[in-house]
N, C-alpha and C. Protein backbone atom coordinates (compact mmCIF):
# COMPACT_ATOMS: atom_id res chain seq x y z
N MET A 1 35.75 -35.64 0.60
CA MET A 1 35.64 -34.25 0.95
C MET A 1 34.61 -33.52 0.14
N SER A 2 34.35 -33.90 -1.06
CA SER A 2 33.43 -33.16 -1.94
C SER A 2 32.04 -33.16 -1.32
N PHE A 3 31.63 -34.27 -0.62
CA PHE A 3 30.39 -34.31 0.05
C PHE A 3 30.29 -33.24 1.11
N LEU A 4 31.32 -33.04 1.90
CA LEU A 4 31.33 -32.01 2.94
C LEU A 4 31.27 -30.61 2.33
N ASP A 5 31.94 -30.42 1.23
CA ASP A 5 31.96 -29.14 0.55
C ASP A 5 30.51 -28.83 0.03
N ASN A 6 29.84 -29.81 -0.49
CA ASN A 6 28.44 -29.60 -0.98
C ASN A 6 27.53 -29.22 0.22
N ASP A 7 27.75 -29.87 1.40
CA ASP A 7 26.91 -29.63 2.59
C ASP A 7 27.18 -28.16 2.98
N ASN A 8 28.44 -27.79 2.99
CA ASN A 8 28.76 -26.36 3.46
C ASN A 8 28.16 -25.33 2.46
N GLU A 9 28.23 -25.68 1.20
CA GLU A 9 27.64 -24.72 0.20
C GLU A 9 26.13 -24.64 0.31
N SER A 10 25.46 -25.75 0.51
CA SER A 10 23.99 -25.67 0.65
C SER A 10 23.64 -24.99 1.93
N SER A 11 24.36 -25.15 3.00
CA SER A 11 24.12 -24.46 4.24
C SER A 11 24.24 -22.89 4.09
N SER A 12 25.35 -22.62 3.39
CA SER A 12 25.58 -21.14 3.07
C SER A 12 24.49 -20.54 2.27
N GLN A 13 24.08 -21.35 1.27
CA GLN A 13 22.97 -20.88 0.40
C GLN A 13 21.72 -20.66 1.15
N GLU A 14 21.35 -21.65 2.09
CA GLU A 14 20.14 -21.55 2.93
C GLU A 14 20.28 -20.26 3.76
N LYS A 15 21.46 -20.05 4.34
CA LYS A 15 21.56 -18.83 5.19
C LYS A 15 21.40 -17.58 4.36
N LEU A 16 21.99 -17.56 3.19
CA LEU A 16 21.88 -16.41 2.30
C LEU A 16 20.42 -16.18 1.94
N VAL A 17 19.69 -17.20 1.54
CA VAL A 17 18.30 -17.09 1.17
C VAL A 17 17.47 -16.56 2.37
N ALA A 18 17.74 -17.04 3.59
CA ALA A 18 17.07 -16.60 4.76
C ALA A 18 17.37 -15.13 5.00
N ARG A 19 18.54 -14.78 4.86
CA ARG A 19 18.86 -13.33 5.06
C ARG A 19 18.25 -12.43 4.05
N ILE A 20 18.20 -12.88 2.77
CA ILE A 20 17.54 -12.14 1.68
C ILE A 20 16.07 -11.94 2.05
N ASN A 21 15.46 -13.04 2.49
CA ASN A 21 14.01 -12.95 2.82
C ASN A 21 13.77 -11.98 3.98
N GLN A 22 14.70 -12.00 4.97
CA GLN A 22 14.59 -11.04 6.14
C GLN A 22 14.69 -9.56 5.60
N LEU A 23 15.69 -9.37 4.75
CA LEU A 23 15.90 -7.96 4.20
C LEU A 23 14.67 -7.55 3.36
N GLU A 24 14.11 -8.44 2.60
CA GLU A 24 12.94 -8.11 1.77
C GLU A 24 11.76 -7.72 2.76
N SER A 25 11.66 -8.39 3.85
CA SER A 25 10.58 -8.12 4.79
C SER A 25 10.79 -6.69 5.42
N GLU A 26 12.04 -6.42 5.75
CA GLU A 26 12.39 -5.14 6.31
C GLU A 26 12.14 -4.04 5.35
N ILE A 27 12.49 -4.24 4.07
CA ILE A 27 12.22 -3.20 3.03
C ILE A 27 10.70 -2.94 2.89
N SER A 28 9.92 -4.01 2.94
CA SER A 28 8.46 -3.95 2.81
C SER A 28 7.91 -3.06 4.00
N LYS A 29 8.43 -3.29 5.16
CA LYS A 29 8.02 -2.56 6.34
C LYS A 29 8.29 -1.09 6.25
N LEU A 30 9.51 -0.77 5.69
CA LEU A 30 9.97 0.59 5.52
C LEU A 30 9.09 1.30 4.49
N LYS A 31 8.79 0.56 3.44
CA LYS A 31 7.90 1.12 2.40
C LYS A 31 6.53 1.55 2.94
N GLU A 32 6.02 0.65 3.75
CA GLU A 32 4.70 0.92 4.45
C GLU A 32 4.77 2.10 5.31
N SER A 33 5.85 2.24 6.09
CA SER A 33 5.94 3.34 7.01
C SER A 33 6.12 4.67 6.20
N LEU A 34 6.76 4.63 5.07
CA LEU A 34 6.88 5.87 4.27
C LEU A 34 5.53 6.24 3.68
N GLN A 35 4.71 5.31 3.24
CA GLN A 35 3.42 5.57 2.74
C GLN A 35 2.54 6.15 3.83
N LEU A 36 2.66 5.65 5.05
CA LEU A 36 1.89 6.16 6.19
C LEU A 36 2.31 7.58 6.43
N GLY A 37 3.63 7.88 6.32
CA GLY A 37 4.11 9.23 6.56
C GLY A 37 3.49 10.21 5.56
N LYS A 38 3.35 9.79 4.30
CA LYS A 38 2.77 10.67 3.34
C LYS A 38 1.29 10.82 3.63
N LEU A 39 0.67 9.77 4.06
CA LEU A 39 -0.76 9.86 4.35
C LEU A 39 -1.06 10.93 5.44
N ARG A 40 -0.17 10.92 6.46
CA ARG A 40 -0.36 11.78 7.63
C ARG A 40 -0.28 13.29 7.22
N GLU A 41 0.33 13.59 6.12
CA GLU A 41 0.45 14.95 5.68
C GLU A 41 -0.51 15.30 4.62
N GLN A 42 -1.52 14.54 4.41
CA GLN A 42 -2.54 14.88 3.41
C GLN A 42 -3.74 15.54 4.12
N TYR A 43 -4.37 16.41 3.33
CA TYR A 43 -5.52 17.11 3.79
C TYR A 43 -6.78 16.33 3.39
N LEU A 44 -7.78 16.38 4.32
CA LEU A 44 -9.07 15.80 4.01
C LEU A 44 -10.08 16.89 4.12
N ASP A 45 -11.18 16.83 3.29
CA ASP A 45 -12.26 17.75 3.44
C ASP A 45 -13.14 17.34 4.64
N LEU A 46 -14.13 18.12 4.90
CA LEU A 46 -14.98 17.84 6.12
C LEU A 46 -15.60 16.43 6.01
N LYS A 47 -16.06 16.10 4.89
CA LYS A 47 -16.73 14.81 4.67
C LYS A 47 -15.69 13.63 4.94
N GLY A 48 -14.55 13.77 4.31
CA GLY A 48 -13.50 12.76 4.50
C GLY A 48 -13.03 12.71 5.93
N ALA A 49 -12.91 13.81 6.62
CA ALA A 49 -12.45 13.86 8.00
C ALA A 49 -13.48 13.29 8.89
N SER A 50 -14.78 13.53 8.67
CA SER A 50 -15.84 13.02 9.43
C SER A 50 -15.93 11.47 9.31
N ASN A 51 -15.71 10.97 8.09
CA ASN A 51 -15.63 9.52 7.88
C ASN A 51 -14.45 8.90 8.62
N TYR A 52 -13.36 9.57 8.58
CA TYR A 52 -12.12 9.12 9.29
C TYR A 52 -12.40 8.95 10.82
N LEU A 53 -13.09 9.97 11.38
CA LEU A 53 -13.34 9.92 12.79
C LEU A 53 -14.60 9.04 13.11
N GLY A 54 -15.44 8.84 12.13
CA GLY A 54 -16.63 8.07 12.39
C GLY A 54 -17.74 8.92 13.05
N VAL A 55 -17.75 10.17 12.73
CA VAL A 55 -18.80 11.06 13.24
C VAL A 55 -19.50 11.72 12.04
N SER A 56 -20.58 12.41 12.31
CA SER A 56 -21.28 13.10 11.30
C SER A 56 -20.54 14.38 10.90
N PRO A 57 -20.70 14.95 9.71
CA PRO A 57 -20.03 16.26 9.40
C PRO A 57 -20.48 17.35 10.35
N ARG A 58 -21.75 17.32 10.78
CA ARG A 58 -22.19 18.32 11.74
C ARG A 58 -21.42 18.27 13.11
N SER A 59 -21.25 16.99 13.53
CA SER A 59 -20.46 16.85 14.78
C SER A 59 -19.01 17.23 14.61
N LEU A 60 -18.44 16.93 13.47
CA LEU A 60 -17.08 17.38 13.22
C LEU A 60 -16.98 18.91 13.20
N PHE A 61 -17.94 19.57 12.53
CA PHE A 61 -17.99 21.00 12.48
C PHE A 61 -18.05 21.59 13.94
N ARG A 62 -18.89 21.00 14.77
CA ARG A 62 -19.01 21.46 16.15
C ARG A 62 -17.65 21.31 16.89
N ILE A 63 -16.97 20.15 16.71
CA ILE A 63 -15.66 19.92 17.28
C ILE A 63 -14.69 20.99 16.89
N MET A 64 -14.67 21.34 15.61
CA MET A 64 -13.84 22.44 15.06
C MET A 64 -14.11 23.74 15.65
N ILE A 65 -15.43 24.05 15.67
CA ILE A 65 -15.81 25.43 16.21
C ILE A 65 -15.44 25.53 17.71
N GLU A 66 -15.55 24.45 18.51
CA GLU A 66 -15.19 24.49 19.87
C GLU A 66 -13.71 24.57 20.11
N GLY A 67 -12.93 24.45 19.08
CA GLY A 67 -11.45 24.58 19.13
C GLY A 67 -10.70 23.31 19.52
N GLU A 68 -11.40 22.18 19.44
CA GLU A 68 -10.82 20.90 19.83
C GLU A 68 -9.96 20.28 18.69
N LEU A 69 -10.22 20.76 17.48
CA LEU A 69 -9.46 20.21 16.32
C LEU A 69 -9.14 21.36 15.46
N SER A 70 -7.86 21.45 15.06
CA SER A 70 -7.43 22.56 14.20
C SER A 70 -7.67 22.23 12.78
N TYR A 71 -7.81 23.22 11.95
CA TYR A 71 -8.06 23.05 10.54
C TYR A 71 -7.41 24.19 9.77
N THR A 72 -7.35 24.03 8.50
CA THR A 72 -6.73 24.98 7.60
C THR A 72 -7.77 25.42 6.57
N ILE A 73 -7.92 26.67 6.30
CA ILE A 73 -8.77 27.20 5.25
C ILE A 73 -7.96 27.25 3.97
N ILE A 74 -8.39 26.53 2.97
CA ILE A 74 -7.73 26.57 1.62
C ILE A 74 -8.81 27.03 0.71
N GLY A 75 -8.64 28.25 0.11
CA GLY A 75 -9.71 28.86 -0.64
C GLY A 75 -10.86 29.26 0.29
N ARG A 76 -11.99 28.63 0.04
CA ARG A 76 -13.16 28.83 0.94
C ARG A 76 -13.47 27.61 1.67
N ARG A 77 -12.67 26.59 1.55
CA ARG A 77 -13.00 25.27 2.17
C ARG A 77 -12.07 24.99 3.39
N LYS A 78 -12.67 24.39 4.36
CA LYS A 78 -11.87 23.93 5.58
C LYS A 78 -11.33 22.62 5.28
N LYS A 79 -10.05 22.43 5.55
CA LYS A 79 -9.36 21.11 5.37
C LYS A 79 -8.59 20.74 6.67
N ILE A 80 -8.53 19.47 6.89
CA ILE A 80 -7.92 18.96 8.14
C ILE A 80 -6.82 17.97 7.72
N LEU A 81 -5.63 18.15 8.32
CA LEU A 81 -4.56 17.19 8.13
C LEU A 81 -4.87 15.83 8.84
N VAL A 82 -4.47 14.75 8.23
CA VAL A 82 -4.73 13.44 8.83
C VAL A 82 -4.01 13.37 10.15
N SER A 83 -2.78 13.95 10.23
CA SER A 83 -2.07 13.97 11.47
C SER A 83 -2.80 14.69 12.57
N GLU A 84 -3.55 15.74 12.28
CA GLU A 84 -4.35 16.47 13.22
C GLU A 84 -5.47 15.61 13.72
N LEU A 85 -6.05 14.77 12.83
CA LEU A 85 -7.13 13.86 13.26
C LEU A 85 -6.59 12.80 14.18
N GLU A 86 -5.35 12.30 13.83
CA GLU A 86 -4.81 11.27 14.71
C GLU A 86 -4.47 11.83 16.12
N GLU A 87 -3.96 13.10 16.13
CA GLU A 87 -3.71 13.74 17.43
C GLU A 87 -4.97 13.86 18.28
N TYR A 88 -6.03 14.28 17.56
CA TYR A 88 -7.37 14.41 18.25
C TYR A 88 -7.78 13.06 18.84
N ILE A 89 -7.60 12.03 18.09
CA ILE A 89 -8.02 10.70 18.53
C ILE A 89 -7.12 10.32 19.76
N ASP A 90 -5.85 10.56 19.70
CA ASP A 90 -4.91 10.23 20.74
C ASP A 90 -5.33 11.01 22.04
N LYS A 91 -5.65 12.29 22.00
CA LYS A 91 -6.05 13.09 23.12
C LYS A 91 -7.32 12.51 23.83
N ARG A 92 -8.19 11.89 22.98
CA ARG A 92 -9.46 11.42 23.59
C ARG A 92 -9.43 9.99 24.02
N LYS A 93 -8.34 9.26 23.86
CA LYS A 93 -8.22 7.92 24.29
C LYS A 93 -8.26 7.86 25.76
N THR A 94 -8.85 6.81 26.29
CA THR A 94 -8.92 6.50 27.72
C THR A 94 -8.23 5.25 27.97
N ALA A 95 -7.49 5.14 29.14
CA ALA A 95 -6.76 4.05 29.49
C ALA A 95 -7.71 2.87 29.79
N ALA A 96 -7.31 1.62 29.49
CA ALA A 96 -8.08 0.45 29.77
C ALA A 96 -8.23 0.27 31.26
N LEU A 97 -9.39 -0.06 31.72
CA LEU A 97 -9.64 -0.32 33.12
C LEU A 97 -9.08 -1.63 33.56
N GLY A 98 -8.75 -1.76 34.84
CA GLY A 98 -8.26 -3.07 35.36
C GLY A 98 -9.41 -4.06 35.36
N SER A 99 -9.12 -5.20 35.90
CA SER A 99 -10.07 -6.26 35.97
C SER A 99 -11.19 -5.85 36.85
N ILE A 100 -12.39 -6.28 36.53
CA ILE A 100 -13.60 -5.93 37.36
C ILE A 100 -13.79 -6.97 38.47
N LEU A 101 -12.92 -8.03 38.44
CA LEU A 101 -13.06 -9.10 39.51
C LEU A 101 -12.39 -8.74 40.80
């Protein structure tokens, strides 16, 4: 009987280790999502925002003046929330076309 007991114990230990690994993975994903949430609420200056979008600062300024992208004036500087940049990107996305065949 002791052999069977050892088998059951090792099986239980393997299940426990697998569950711990799964929980660690889920915790890691939660930490990443929390960091992303903090990033979304950070302000970028015009240079940082233009780098984020991949456009020149002049193009970004034109987009802001045309009212396509909202911004906040802090002191004498214009700042843009990362979440606003993401919303702007989402608005400009186009759907993938079907097959050309």
